[in-house]
Amino acid sequence: MPQTLYYLLSAVLFTVGAVGVITRRNAIVIFMCIELMLNAVNLSFITSGNFLNSLDGTIFVIFIMAVAAAEAAVGLAIFVLIFRLKGTVHVDDFNLLKG
């Protein structure tokens, strides 16, 4: 399968994630869309690494997956805390930074 199709799939996944982040109001759905965007970037790195016969893309993907796992743990903890305080996870209802 040519690399172009992998790059195209990566671009489509990234676009779907970006549209989801922009249009959705539920914080958990936005969070999942960000994860979709990270996976699209991972696919692009793997494709580039494979095309260049290098392990650099794979190493980047391992780092990105580690950061994404940490981000997921912290993000979900924040969402649980916000849900306990506000009773909702809709981003329009958050104004925690307004003193």
Foldseek 3Di string as FASTA:
>chain_A
DDLVVLLVVLVVQLVVLVCQLVPDFFPVSNLVSVVSNLVSVLSVLVSVCVVVVHCPSVVVNVVSVVVSVVVVVVVVVVQVVVCVVPVGRGNVPDDPVPD
